[in-house]
Amino acid sequence: MSSFFLLLQKVHENVHDFSMKLNDTEPKIYTGGVDVNSWTKLSKT
């Protein structure tokens, strides 16, 4: 049991050594090919 505990401690130490990198990008909104700047000029339909 103690060897298992020592193994878990070592794994825990190693996990916290890795730096977390975020690979997320800014969310993209699908506009259907319409320019966002001209939305106010479009009809409701």
Protein backbone atom coordinates (compact mmCIF):
# COMPACT_ATOMS: atom_id res chain seq x y z
CA MET A 1 0.00 0.00 0.00
CA SER A 2 2.79 2.45 0.83
CA SER A 3 4.50 1.90 -2.54
CA PHE A 4 1.22 2.74 -4.26
CA PHE A 5 0.94 5.93 -2.20
CA LEU A 6 4.51 6.92 -3.11
CA LEU A 7 3.73 6.32 -6.79
CA LEU A 8 0.64 8.52 -6.54
CA GLN A 9 2.66 11.27 -4.87
CA LYS A 10 5.24 11.17 -7.68
CA VAL A 11 2.56 11.28 -10.36
CA HIS A 12 0.91 14.20 -8.58
CA GLU A 13 4.20 16.13 -8.49
CA ASN A 14 4.86 15.46 -12.18
CA VAL A 15 1.40 16.52 -13.27
CA HIS A 16 1.81 19.93 -11.71
CA ASP A 17 5.15 20.49 -13.47
CA PHE A 18 3.49 20.66 -16.90
CA SER A 19 2.49 24.11 -18.02
CA MET A 20 -1.04 24.39 -19.28
CA LYS A 21 -1.27 25.80 -22.79
CA LEU A 22 -4.59 26.99 -24.08
CA ASN A 23 -5.09 26.09 -27.72
CA ASP A 24 -8.43 27.86 -27.95
CA THR A 25 -9.12 30.46 -30.58
CA GLU A 26 -11.62 33.28 -30.61
CA PRO A 27 -15.12 31.98 -31.41
CA LYS A 28 -16.25 32.53 -34.95
CA ILE A 29 -19.84 33.40 -35.87
CA TYR A 30 -21.28 32.15 -39.15
CA THR A 31 -22.93 35.06 -40.98
CA GLY A 32 -23.97 33.29 -44.15
CA GLY A 33 -21.46 35.25 -46.19
CA VAL A 34 -23.10 38.60 -45.38
CA ASP A 35 -20.83 41.44 -44.31
CA VAL A 36 -21.52 42.21 -40.64
CA ASN A 37 -21.15 45.95 -41.24
CA SER A 38 -24.14 45.94 -43.63
CA TRP A 39 -26.56 44.15 -41.31
CA THR A 40 -28.43 47.36 -40.48
CA LYS A 41 -29.20 47.87 -44.18
CA LEU A 42 -30.78 44.43 -44.60
CA SER A 43 -34.51 43.70 -44.38
CA LYS A 44 -35.91 41.45 -41.63
CA THR A 45 -36.52 38.66 -44.18
